[in-house]
Amino acid sequence: MKRILLIATLGFLTYGQSSAQTNIINLDFDQASDFDDMYTLDADGDGIVWGITEESVPNSELLNIHGGFAYSASYDENAEDPALTPDNLLFLPVVSIPEGATNVEAKVKIGALDFTFFAEHFAIYAIPGDAATTELIQNIVDDYNEVSEIVAILGEPLYEETLAEPEGSFRTMDLSAYQGQSVRLVVRHFDCTNEYFIAMDGYRVDADILGVSDYASSLVKVYPNPAKDILNVSLTDATASEARIYDLNGRLVLSRQLTGTDTAIDLSTLSTGMYALELITNQGKAVKKIVKN
């Protein structure tokens, strides 16, 4: 029984360090609402931009492009000169990545719409998703004479490729550097000609997000640790109302009410050993491992 209690308590000591894979955005473009907060820009000025469809077209299902999707052309069979030289930009919806998120991955599904002519070239960029940048994008979209401004905003691509096969598949990019920020991905179809169509059939962002207890624990500092008699507790952007200390058998051995962001806890009545300090804060429960000397 003691062994079971010990294992349970060790689990209690470490649960506050866990995180969970969370989906932040997931669009399959099968409904019109998936295209909200998206913009297109015809940077080459030929009058042809990214288009959208909510239904599959001939060959698309065979090429792993299912249901609705966005598309851009490098060939126009109805034009006098069918070979196009596209420079078409598609601005995806803004995504807000939580503070402290890790392993942030963006996945964009890209493919072609022809089994033979599929060597489409594309790049994916990340730009700020703040209101000022969004307003600038809207102004540029309305004024084709200022396309050079958007090129400056794009910077270096996160990903760039010429399709070596037509079937749609997800490309993965690391967005961990953008934790705590809003970001907008941009898909650019360019540097190719006389192929057919490129298609984008999915967009998702996933991340390891700290739970409430993880976040609260990150706001707490305890010192000195190990402590002999007095343990100091300091909180940033949080206040604590109660402190509870548990031994390794999971028994509550000390409890006291707290006020403010800085306090001291008298440990003199405790035996030497390891304990779990649980703080009830306005940001959730915080858990810290402490040692009494």
C-alpha atoms as a PDB file:
ATOM      1  CA  MET A   1       0.000   0.000   0.000  1.00  0.00           C
ATOM      2  CA  LYS A   2       2.838   2.411   0.827  1.00  0.00           C
ATOM      3  CA  ARG A   3       4.428   1.752  -2.560  1.00  0.00           C
ATOM      4  CA  ILE A   4       1.166   2.555  -4.345  1.00  0.00           C
ATOM      5  CA  LEU A   5       0.812   5.786  -2.352  1.00  0.00           C
ATOM      6  CA  LEU A   6       4.408   6.750  -3.149  1.00  0.00           C
ATOM      7  CA  ILE A   7       3.908   6.231  -6.885  1.00  0.00           C
ATOM      8  CA  ALA A   8       0.682   8.223  -6.770  1.00  0.00           C
ATOM      9  CA  THR A   9       2.409  11.080  -4.974  1.00  0.00           C
ATOM     10  CA  LEU A  10       5.323  11.156  -7.395  1.00  0.00           C
ATOM     11  CA  GLY A  11       2.750  11.424 -10.142  1.00  0.00           C
ATOM     12  CA  PHE A  12       1.222  14.350  -8.249  1.00  0.00           C
ATOM     13  CA  LEU A  13       4.627  16.015  -8.057  1.00  0.00           C
ATOM     14  CA  THR A  14       5.165  15.828 -11.805  1.00  0.00           C
ATOM     15  CA  TYR A  15       1.714  16.307 -13.291  1.00  0.00           C
ATOM     16  CA  GLY A  16       2.155  20.061 -13.362  1.00  0.00           C
ATOM     17  CA  GLN A  17       4.962  19.690 -15.896  1.00  0.00           C
ATOM     18  CA  SER A  18       2.849  18.002 -18.548  1.00  0.00           C
ATOM     19  CA  SER A  19       1.552  19.495 -21.752  1.00  0.00           C
ATOM     20  CA  ALA A  20      -0.922  18.327 -24.341  1.00  0.00           C
ATOM     21  CA  GLN A  21      -0.898  18.403 -28.111  1.00  0.00           C
ATOM     22  CA  THR A  22      -3.586  20.900 -29.061  1.00  0.00           C
ATOM     23  CA  ASN A  23      -5.023  21.747 -32.441  1.00  0.00           C
ATOM     24  CA  ILE A  24      -5.086  25.533 -32.908  1.00  0.00           C
ATOM     25  CA  ILE A  25      -6.601  25.640 -36.402  1.00  0.00           C
ATOM     26  CA  ASN A  26      -7.757  22.939 -38.823  1.00  0.00           C
ATOM     27  CA  LEU A  27      -9.226  23.835 -42.218  1.00  0.00           C
ATOM     28  CA  ASP A  28     -10.094  21.361 -44.985  1.00  0.00           C
ATOM     29  CA  PHE A  29     -11.717  23.998 -47.239  1.00  0.00           C
ATOM     30  CA  ASP A  30     -14.879  21.958 -47.692  1.00  0.00           C
ATOM     31  CA  GLN A  31     -17.089  24.848 -46.569  1.00  0.00           C
ATOM     32  CA  ALA A  32     -17.157  28.522 -47.486  1.00  0.00           C
ATOM     33  CA  SER A  33     -16.369  29.642 -43.921  1.00  0.00           C
ATOM     34  CA  ASP A  34     -12.925  28.013 -44.193  1.00  0.00           C
ATOM     35  CA  PHE A  35     -11.945  30.782 -46.590  1.00  0.00           C
ATOM     36  CA  ASP A  36     -12.804  33.603 -44.170  1.00  0.00           C
ATOM     37  CA  ASP A  37      -9.974  36.027 -43.317  1.00  0.00           C
ATOM     38  CA  MET A  38      -8.053  35.025 -46.458  1.00  0.00           C
ATOM     39  CA  TYR A  39      -6.689  37.378 -49.110  1.00  0.00           C
ATOM     40  CA  THR A  40      -5.238  36.932 -52.600  1.00  0.00           C
ATOM     41  CA  LEU A  41      -2.727  39.065 -54.469  1.00  0.00           C
ATOM     42  CA  ASP A  42      -1.984  38.975 -58.210  1.00  0.00           C
ATOM     43  CA  ALA A  43       1.663  40.037 -57.978  1.00  0.00           C
ATOM     44  CA  ASP A  44       2.382  39.387 -61.684  1.00  0.00           C
ATOM     45  CA  GLY A  45      -0.562  41.520 -62.771  1.00  0.00           C
ATOM     46  CA  ASP A  46      -2.075  39.121 -65.310  1.00  0.00           C
ATOM     47  CA  GLY A  47      -5.520  39.307 -63.726  1.00  0.00           C
ATOM     48  CA  ILE A  48      -5.470  35.656 -62.590  1.00  0.00           C
ATOM     49  CA  VAL A  49      -5.375  35.009 -58.833  1.00  0.00           C
ATOM     50  CA  TRP A  50      -5.915  32.141 -56.428  1.00  0.00           C
ATOM     51  CA  GLY A  51      -9.433  30.778 -56.755  1.00  0.00           C
ATOM     52  CA  ILE A  52     -11.513  28.559 -54.508  1.00  0.00           C
ATOM     53  CA  THR A  53     -13.953  25.727 -54.978  1.00  0.00           C
ATOM     54  CA  GLU A  54     -16.041  23.949 -52.364  1.00  0.00           C
ATOM     55  CA  GLU A  55     -16.298  20.771 -54.437  1.00  0.00           C
ATOM     56  CA  SER A  56     -13.904  18.328 -56.060  1.00  0.00           C
ATOM     57  CA  VAL A  57     -13.142  18.507 -59.791  1.00  0.00           C
ATOM     58  CA  PRO A  58     -12.129  15.803 -62.323  1.00  0.00           C
ATOM     59  CA  ASN A  59      -8.917  14.054 -61.211  1.00  0.00           C
ATOM     60  CA  SER A  60      -8.701  15.913 -57.898  1.00  0.00           C
ATOM     61  CA  GLU A  61      -9.851  12.969 -55.779  1.00  0.00           C
ATOM     62  CA  LEU A  62      -7.410  10.671 -57.607  1.00  0.00           C
ATOM     63  CA  LEU A  63      -4.631  13.113 -56.761  1.00  0.00           C
ATOM     64  CA  ASN A  64      -5.513  13.125 -53.038  1.00  0.00           C
ATOM     65  CA  ILE A  65      -7.148  16.546 -53.267  1.00  0.00           C
ATOM     66  CA  HIS A  66     -10.509  15.965 -51.601  1.00  0.00           C
ATOM     67  CA  GLY A  67     -13.575  18.190 -51.538  1.00  0.00           C
ATOM     68  CA  GLY A  68     -13.006  21.933 -51.621  1.00  0.00           C
ATOM     69  CA  PHE A  69      -9.610  23.544 -52.141  1.00  0.00           C
ATOM     70  CA  ALA A  70      -7.813  26.699 -53.255  1.00  0.00           C
ATOM     71  CA  TYR A  71      -6.021  26.717 -56.615  1.00  0.00           C
ATOM     72  CA  SER A  72      -3.724  28.817 -58.799  1.00  0.00           C
ATOM     73  CA  ALA A  73      -2.956  28.371 -62.514  1.00  0.00           C
ATOM     74  CA  SER A  74       0.248  28.310 -64.538  1.00  0.00           C
ATOM     75  CA  TYR A  75      -1.651  27.448 -67.737  1.00  0.00           C
ATOM     76  CA  ASP A  76      -4.794  28.897 -69.316  1.00  0.00           C
ATOM     77  CA  GLU A  77      -6.108  26.931 -72.273  1.00  0.00           C
ATOM     78  CA  ASN A  78      -8.493  29.756 -73.171  1.00  0.00           C
ATOM     79  CA  ALA A  79      -5.773  32.399 -73.514  1.00  0.00           C
ATOM     80  CA  GLU A  80      -4.048  33.355 -76.767  1.00  0.00           C
ATOM     81  CA  ASP A  81      -0.786  32.441 -75.061  1.00  0.00           C
ATOM     82  CA  PRO A  82      -1.791  29.670 -72.641  1.00  0.00           C
ATOM     83  CA  ALA A  83       1.551  29.580 -70.796  1.00  0.00           C
ATOM     84  CA  LEU A  84       1.236  31.724 -67.670  1.00  0.00           C
ATOM     85  CA  THR A  85       4.027  32.972 -65.403  1.00  0.00           C
ATOM     86  CA  PRO A  86       2.166  33.227 -62.097  1.00  0.00           C
ATOM     87  CA  ASP A  87       3.165  35.142 -59.024  1.00  0.00           C
ATOM     88  CA  ASN A  88       0.033  34.621 -56.975  1.00  0.00           C
ATOM     89  CA  LEU A  89      -0.094  34.984 -53.203  1.00  0.00           C
ATOM     90  CA  LEU A  90      -2.665  33.468 -50.860  1.00  0.00           C
ATOM     91  CA  PHE A  91      -2.791  34.861 -47.319  1.00  0.00           C
ATOM     92  CA  LEU A  92      -4.111  32.239 -44.898  1.00  0.00           C
ATOM     93  CA  PRO A  93      -6.115  33.083 -41.740  1.00  0.00           C
ATOM     94  CA  VAL A  94      -4.333  34.546 -38.732  1.00  0.00           C
ATOM     95  CA  VAL A  95      -3.384  32.050 -36.030  1.00  0.00           C
ATOM     96  CA  SER A  96      -2.664  33.078 -32.427  1.00  0.00           C
ATOM     97  CA  ILE A  97      -0.038  30.856 -30.827  1.00  0.00           C
ATOM     98  CA  PRO A  98      -0.266  30.805 -27.003  1.00  0.00           C
ATOM     99  CA  GLU A  99       2.581  31.976 -24.797  1.00  0.00           C
ATOM    100  CA  GLY A 100       4.732  29.028 -23.755  1.00  0.00           C
ATOM    101  CA  ALA A 101       3.589  26.765 -26.597  1.00  0.00           C
ATOM    102  CA  THR A 102       6.220  24.310 -27.837  1.00  0.00           C
ATOM    103  CA  ASN A 103       6.569  21.972 -30.804  1.00  0.00           C
ATOM    104  CA  VAL A 104       4.377  24.307 -32.849  1.00  0.00           C
ATOM    105  CA  GLU A 105       3.846  22.733 -36.269  1.00  0.00           C
ATOM    106  CA  ALA A 106       2.041  24.161 -39.276  1.00  0.00           C
ATOM    107  CA  LYS A 107       0.944  21.721 -41.967  1.00  0.00           C
ATOM    108  CA  VAL A 108      -0.197  22.810 -45.426  1.00  0.00           C
ATOM    109  CA  LYS A 109      -1.484  20.249 -47.923  1.00  0.00           C
ATOM    110  CA  ILE A 110      -0.251  20.984 -51.450  1.00  0.00           C
ATOM    111  CA  GLY A 111      -0.670  19.063 -54.703  1.00  0.00           C
ATOM    112  CA  ALA A 112      -1.294  19.468 -58.432  1.00  0.00           C
ATOM    113  CA  LEU A 113      -4.329  18.836 -60.618  1.00  0.00           C
ATOM    114  CA  ASP A 114      -2.707  16.953 -63.496  1.00  0.00           C
ATOM    115  CA  PHE A 115      -0.835  13.648 -63.680  1.00  0.00           C
ATOM    116  CA  THR A 116       1.623  14.921 -66.313  1.00  0.00           C
ATOM    117  CA  PHE A 117       1.982  18.663 -65.889  1.00  0.00           C
ATOM    118  CA  PHE A 118       2.595  19.083 -62.177  1.00  0.00           C
ATOM    119  CA  ALA A 119       5.988  20.820 -61.744  1.00  0.00           C
ATOM    120  CA  GLU A 120       4.436  23.793 -59.962  1.00  0.00           C
ATOM    121  CA  HIS A 121       6.729  25.891 -57.777  1.00  0.00           C
ATOM    122  CA  PHE A 122       5.629  27.365 -54.466  1.00  0.00           C
ATOM    123  CA  ALA A 123       6.911  28.821 -51.214  1.00  0.00           C
ATOM    124  CA  ILE A 124       5.319  29.319 -47.801  1.00  0.00           C
ATOM    125  CA  TYR A 125       6.104  32.334 -45.623  1.00  0.00           C
ATOM    126  CA  ALA A 126       5.154  33.500 -42.134  1.00  0.00           C
ATOM    127  CA  ILE A 127       4.309  37.152 -41.493  1.00  0.00           C
ATOM    128  CA  PRO A 128       2.965  38.972 -38.416  1.00  0.00           C
ATOM    129  CA  GLY A 129      -0.751  38.551 -37.851  1.00  0.00           C
ATOM    130  CA  ASP A 130      -1.221  41.834 -36.010  1.00  0.00           C
ATOM    131  CA  ALA A 131      -3.844  44.381 -37.022  1.00  0.00           C
ATOM    132  CA  ALA A 132      -1.325  46.804 -38.550  1.00  0.00           C
ATOM    133  CA  THR A 133       0.140  44.172 -40.877  1.00  0.00           C
ATOM    134  CA  THR A 134      -3.333  42.927 -41.814  1.00  0.00           C
ATOM    135  CA  GLU A 135      -4.373  46.484 -42.698  1.00  0.00           C
ATOM    136  CA  LEU A 136      -1.217  46.903 -44.776  1.00  0.00           C
ATOM    137  CA  ILE A 137      -1.985  43.682 -46.650  1.00  0.00           C
ATOM    138  CA  GLN A 138      -5.512  44.850 -47.382  1.00  0.00           C
ATOM    139  CA  ASN A 139      -4.177  48.142 -48.736  1.00  0.00           C
ATOM    140  CA  ILE A 140      -1.613  46.379 -50.926  1.00  0.00           C
ATOM    141  CA  VAL A 141      -4.240  43.983 -52.273  1.00  0.00           C
ATOM    142  CA  ASP A 142      -6.253  47.036 -53.302  1.00  0.00           C
ATOM    143  CA  ASP A 143      -3.246  48.716 -54.963  1.00  0.00           C
ATOM    144  CA  TYR A 144      -1.281  46.534 -57.396  1.00  0.00           C
ATOM    145  CA  ASN A 145       1.300  49.303 -57.818  1.00  0.00           C
ATOM    146  CA  GLU A 146       2.763  48.538 -54.394  1.00  0.00           C
ATOM    147  CA  VAL A 147       3.479  44.827 -54.812  1.00  0.00           C
ATOM    148  CA  SER A 148       7.128  45.402 -53.893  1.00  0.00           C
ATOM    149  CA  GLU A 149       5.993  46.208 -50.353  1.00  0.00           C
ATOM    150  CA  ILE A 150       4.567  42.760 -49.812  1.00  0.00           C
ATOM    151  CA  VAL A 151       7.774  41.126 -51.065  1.00  0.00           C
ATOM    152  CA  ALA A 152       9.639  43.025 -48.354  1.00  0.00           C
ATOM    153  CA  ILE A 153       7.150  41.851 -45.730  1.00  0.00           C
ATOM    154  CA  LEU A 154       7.448  38.185 -46.739  1.00  0.00           C
ATOM    155  CA  GLY A 155      11.134  37.788 -45.908  1.00  0.00           C
ATOM    156  CA  GLU A 156      12.687  34.335 -46.252  1.00  0.00           C
ATOM    157  CA  PRO A 157      10.349  31.381 -46.866  1.00  0.00           C
ATOM    158  CA  LEU A 158       9.710  28.731 -44.251  1.00  0.00           C
ATOM    159  CA  TYR A 159       9.393  26.200 -47.047  1.00  0.00           C
ATOM    160  CA  GLU A 160       9.987  26.147 -50.820  1.00  0.00           C
ATOM    161  CA  GLU A 161       9.592  23.381 -53.388  1.00  0.00           C
ATOM    162  CA  THR A 162       8.969  22.460 -57.002  1.00  0.00           C
ATOM    163  CA  LEU A 163       6.496  19.582 -57.037  1.00  0.00           C
ATOM    164  CA  ALA A 164       8.177  16.314 -58.019  1.00  0.00           C
ATOM    165  CA  GLU A 165       4.875  14.406 -58.013  1.00  0.00           C
ATOM    166  CA  PRO A 166       1.272  15.524 -58.353  1.00  0.00           C
ATOM    167  CA  GLU A 167      -0.399  13.856 -55.363  1.00  0.00           C
ATOM    168  CA  GLY A 168      -1.415  16.130 -52.526  1.00  0.00           C
ATOM    169  CA  SER A 169       0.447  15.791 -49.225  1.00  0.00           C
ATOM    170  CA  PHE A 170       1.147  17.869 -46.136  1.00  0.00           C
ATOM    171  CA  ARG A 171       4.269  19.998 -45.820  1.00  0.00           C
ATOM    172  CA  THR A 172       5.341  20.613 -42.214  1.00  0.00           C
ATOM    173  CA  MET A 173       6.935  23.789 -40.851  1.00  0.00           C
ATOM    174  CA  ASP A 174       8.134  24.719 -37.371  1.00  0.00           C
ATOM    175  CA  LEU A 175       6.395  27.784 -35.915  1.00  0.00           C
ATOM    176  CA  SER A 176       7.801  27.446 -32.381  1.00  0.00           C
ATOM    177  CA  ALA A 177       9.618  30.777 -32.764  1.00  0.00           C
ATOM    178  CA  TYR A 178       6.218  32.483 -32.964  1.00  0.00           C
ATOM    179  CA  GLN A 179       4.877  31.362 -29.547  1.00  0.00           C
ATOM    180  CA  GLY A 180       3.044  34.200 -27.868  1.00  0.00           C
ATOM    181  CA  GLN A 181       2.388  35.894 -31.212  1.00  0.00           C
ATOM    182  CA  SER A 182      -0.192  36.045 -33.981  1.00  0.00           C
ATOM    183  CA  VAL A 183       1.059  34.785 -37.332  1.00  0.00           C
ATOM    184  CA  ARG A 184      -0.301  34.509 -40.854  1.00  0.00           C
ATOM    185  CA  LEU A 185       1.069  32.041 -43.421  1.00  0.00           C
ATOM    186  CA  VAL A 186       1.334  33.046 -47.070  1.00  0.00           C
ATOM    187  CA  VAL A 187       1.375  30.520 -49.922  1.00  0.00           C
ATOM    188  CA  ARG A 188       3.111  31.880 -53.024  1.00  0.00           C
ATOM    189  CA  HIS A 189       2.752  30.177 -56.437  1.00  0.00           C
ATOM    190  CA  PHE A 190       5.544  31.482 -58.676  1.00  0.00           C
ATOM    191  CA  ASP A 191       8.712  30.743 -60.680  1.00  0.00           C
ATOM    192  CA  CYS A 192       7.033  28.227 -63.004  1.00  0.00           C
ATOM    193  CA  THR A 193       5.136  28.237 -66.289  1.00  0.00           C
ATOM    194  CA  ASN A 194       3.102  26.133 -68.678  1.00  0.00           C
ATOM    195  CA  GLU A 195       2.134  23.422 -66.177  1.00  0.00           C
ATOM    196  CA  TYR A 196      -1.514  23.401 -65.048  1.00  0.00           C
ATOM    197  CA  PHE A 197      -2.851  24.083 -61.523  1.00  0.00           C
ATOM    198  CA  ILE A 198      -1.468  23.947 -58.003  1.00  0.00           C
ATOM    199  CA  ALA A 199      -3.965  23.138 -55.240  1.00  0.00           C
ATOM    200  CA  MET A 200      -4.011  23.717 -51.476  1.00  0.00           C
ATOM    201  CA  ASP A 201      -6.340  21.289 -49.731  1.00  0.00           C
ATOM    202  CA  GLY A 202      -5.700  21.656 -46.006  1.00  0.00           C
ATOM    203  CA  TYR A 203      -4.151  23.803 -43.311  1.00  0.00           C
ATOM    204  CA  ARG A 204      -3.640  23.022 -39.637  1.00  0.00           C
ATOM    205  CA  VAL A 205      -1.486  24.186 -36.752  1.00  0.00           C
ATOM    206  CA  ASP A 206      -0.806  22.009 -33.691  1.00  0.00           C
ATOM    207  CA  ALA A 207       1.235  22.714 -30.567  1.00  0.00           C
ATOM    208  CA  ASP A 208       2.066  21.410 -27.129  1.00  0.00           C
ATOM    209  CA  ILE A 209       0.140  23.799 -24.884  1.00  0.00           C
ATOM    210  CA  LEU A 210       0.810  24.103 -21.170  1.00  0.00           C
ATOM    211  CA  GLY A 211      -2.198  23.266 -19.040  1.00  0.00           C
ATOM    212  CA  VAL A 212      -3.603  25.632 -16.415  1.00  0.00           C
ATOM    213  CA  SER A 213      -1.474  24.069 -13.675  1.00  0.00           C
ATOM    214  CA  ASP A 214       1.658  24.301 -15.838  1.00  0.00           C
ATOM    215  CA  TYR A 215       1.043  27.972 -16.489  1.00  0.00           C
ATOM    216  CA  ALA A 216       0.375  28.750 -12.833  1.00  0.00           C
ATOM    217  CA  SER A 217       3.499  26.857 -11.767  1.00  0.00           C
ATOM    218  CA  SER A 218       5.588  28.897 -14.193  1.00  0.00           C
ATOM    219  CA  LEU A 219       4.575  32.051 -12.288  1.00  0.00           C
ATOM    220  CA  VAL A 220       5.843  30.756  -8.918  1.00  0.00           C
ATOM    221  CA  LYS A 221       9.358  30.809  -7.463  1.00  0.00           C
ATOM    222  CA  VAL A 222      10.301  29.141  -4.173  1.00  0.00           C
ATOM    223  CA  TYR A 223      13.581  29.753  -2.335  1.00  0.00           C
ATOM    224  CA  PRO A 224      15.750  28.642  -0.737  1.00  0.00           C
ATOM    225  CA  ASN A 225      15.110  25.110  -1.884  1.00  0.00           C
ATOM    226  CA  PRO A 226      16.184  23.025   0.030  1.00  0.00           C
ATOM    227  CA  ALA A 227      14.988  25.114   2.989  1.00  0.00           C
ATOM    228  CA  LYS A 228      15.726  24.648   6.690  1.00  0.00           C
ATOM    229  CA  ASP A 229      12.921  26.564   8.417  1.00  0.00           C
ATOM    230  CA  ILE A 230      11.521  29.309   6.175  1.00  0.00           C
ATOM    231  CA  LEU A 231      10.478  28.820   2.550  1.00  0.00           C
ATOM    232  CA  ASN A 232       9.913  32.014   0.586  1.00  0.00           C
ATOM    233  CA  VAL A 233       7.279  32.058  -2.135  1.00  0.00           C
ATOM    234  CA  SER A 234       7.222  34.720  -4.847  1.00  0.00           C
ATOM    235  CA  LEU A 235       4.594  35.017  -7.580  1.00  0.00           C
ATOM    236  CA  THR A 236       4.657  36.979 -10.833  1.00  0.00           C
ATOM    237  CA  ASP A 237       1.349  38.153 -12.324  1.00  0.00           C
ATOM    238  CA  ALA A 238      -0.532  35.997  -9.815  1.00  0.00           C
ATOM    239  CA  THR A 239      -1.731  35.965  -6.210  1.00  0.00           C
ATOM    240  CA  ALA A 240      -2.043  32.958  -3.908  1.00  0.00           C
ATOM    241  CA  SER A 241      -4.806  32.368  -1.370  1.00  0.00           C
ATOM    242  CA  GLU A 242      -3.701  29.076   0.175  1.00  0.00           C
ATOM    243  CA  ALA A 243      -0.648  26.832   0.493  1.00  0.00           C
ATOM    244  CA  ARG A 244      -0.868  23.077   1.059  1.00  0.00           C
ATOM    245  CA  ILE A 245       2.094  20.792   1.658  1.00  0.00           C
ATOM    246  CA  TYR A 246       1.906  17.019   1.118  1.00  0.00           C
ATOM    247  CA  ASP A 247       4.392  14.324   2.100  1.00  0.00           C
ATOM    248  CA  LEU A 248       5.459  11.473  -0.184  1.00  0.00           C
ATOM    249  CA  ASN A 249       2.568   9.362   1.034  1.00  0.00           C
ATOM    250  CA  GLY A 250       0.146  11.968  -0.270  1.00  0.00           C
ATOM    251  CA  ARG A 251      -0.889  13.121   3.209  1.00  0.00           C
ATOM    252  CA  LEU A 252      -1.628  16.796   3.842  1.00  0.00           C
ATOM    253  CA  VAL A 253       0.906  17.835   6.506  1.00  0.00           C
ATOM    254  CA  LEU A 254       0.611  21.619   6.452  1.00  0.00           C
ATOM    255  CA  SER A 255      -1.955  24.133   5.283  1.00  0.00           C
ATOM    256  CA  ARG A 256      -2.118  27.899   5.646  1.00  0.00           C
ATOM    257  CA  GLN A 257      -3.909  30.884   4.145  1.00  0.00           C
ATOM    258  CA  LEU A 258      -1.907  33.348   2.049  1.00  0.00           C
ATOM    259  CA  THR A 259      -2.299  36.896   0.797  1.00  0.00           C
ATOM    260  CA  GLY A 260      -0.437  38.906  -1.830  1.00  0.00           C
ATOM    261  CA  THR A 261       2.341  37.920  -4.200  1.00  0.00           C
ATOM    262  CA  ASP A 262       5.180  37.337  -1.712  1.00  0.00           C
ATOM    263  CA  THR A 263       5.000  35.280   1.448  1.00  0.00           C
ATOM    264  CA  ALA A 264       7.011  33.049   3.766  1.00  0.00           C
ATOM    265  CA  ILE A 265       6.019  29.580   4.938  1.00  0.00           C
ATOM    266  CA  ASP A 266       7.339  28.177   8.215  1.00  0.00           C
ATOM    267  CA  LEU A 267       8.583  24.607   7.661  1.00  0.00           C
ATOM    268  CA  SER A 268      10.078  24.140  11.143  1.00  0.00           C
ATOM    269  CA  THR A 269       7.430  21.605  12.180  1.00  0.00           C
ATOM    270  CA  LEU A 270       8.171  19.310   9.225  1.00  0.00           C
ATOM    271  CA  SER A 271      10.609  16.421   9.232  1.00  0.00           C
ATOM    272  CA  THR A 272      13.559  16.368   6.846  1.00  0.00           C
ATOM    273  CA  GLY A 273      12.560  15.124   3.409  1.00  0.00           C
ATOM    274  CA  MET A 274      10.830  15.839   0.112  1.00  0.00           C
ATOM    275  CA  TYR A 275       7.369  17.394  -0.133  1.00  0.00           C
ATOM    276  CA  ALA A 276       4.896  18.718  -2.653  1.00  0.00           C
ATOM    277  CA  LEU A 277       3.857  22.345  -2.275  1.00  0.00           C
ATOM    278  CA  GLU A 278       0.467  23.126  -3.795  1.00  0.00           C
ATOM    279  CA  LEU A 279      -0.513  26.781  -4.154  1.00  0.00           C
ATOM    280  CA  ILE A 280      -4.058  27.878  -4.912  1.00  0.00           C
ATOM    281  CA  THR A 281      -3.656  30.956  -7.123  1.00  0.00           C
ATOM    282  CA  ASN A 282      -5.900  33.159  -9.213  1.00  0.00           C
ATOM    283  CA  GLN A 283      -4.248  31.546 -12.259  1.00  0.00           C
ATOM    284  CA  GLY A 284      -4.986  27.981 -11.163  1.00  0.00           C
ATOM    285  CA  LYS A 285      -3.192  25.416  -9.024  1.00  0.00           C
ATOM    286  CA  ALA A 286       0.601  25.584  -8.948  1.00  0.00           C
ATOM    287  CA  VAL A 287       2.704  22.630  -7.823  1.00  0.00           C
ATOM    288  CA  LYS A 288       6.351  22.779  -6.739  1.00  0.00           C
ATOM    289  CA  LYS A 289       8.650  20.093  -5.377  1.00  0.00           C
ATOM    290  CA  ILE A 290      10.381  21.284  -2.191  1.00  0.00           C
ATOM    291  CA  VAL A 291      12.994  19.786   0.137  1.00  0.00           C
ATOM    292  CA  LYS A 292      13.153  20.374   3.916  1.00  0.00           C
ATOM    293  CA  ASN A 293      16.636  20.115   5.454  1.00  0.00           C
END
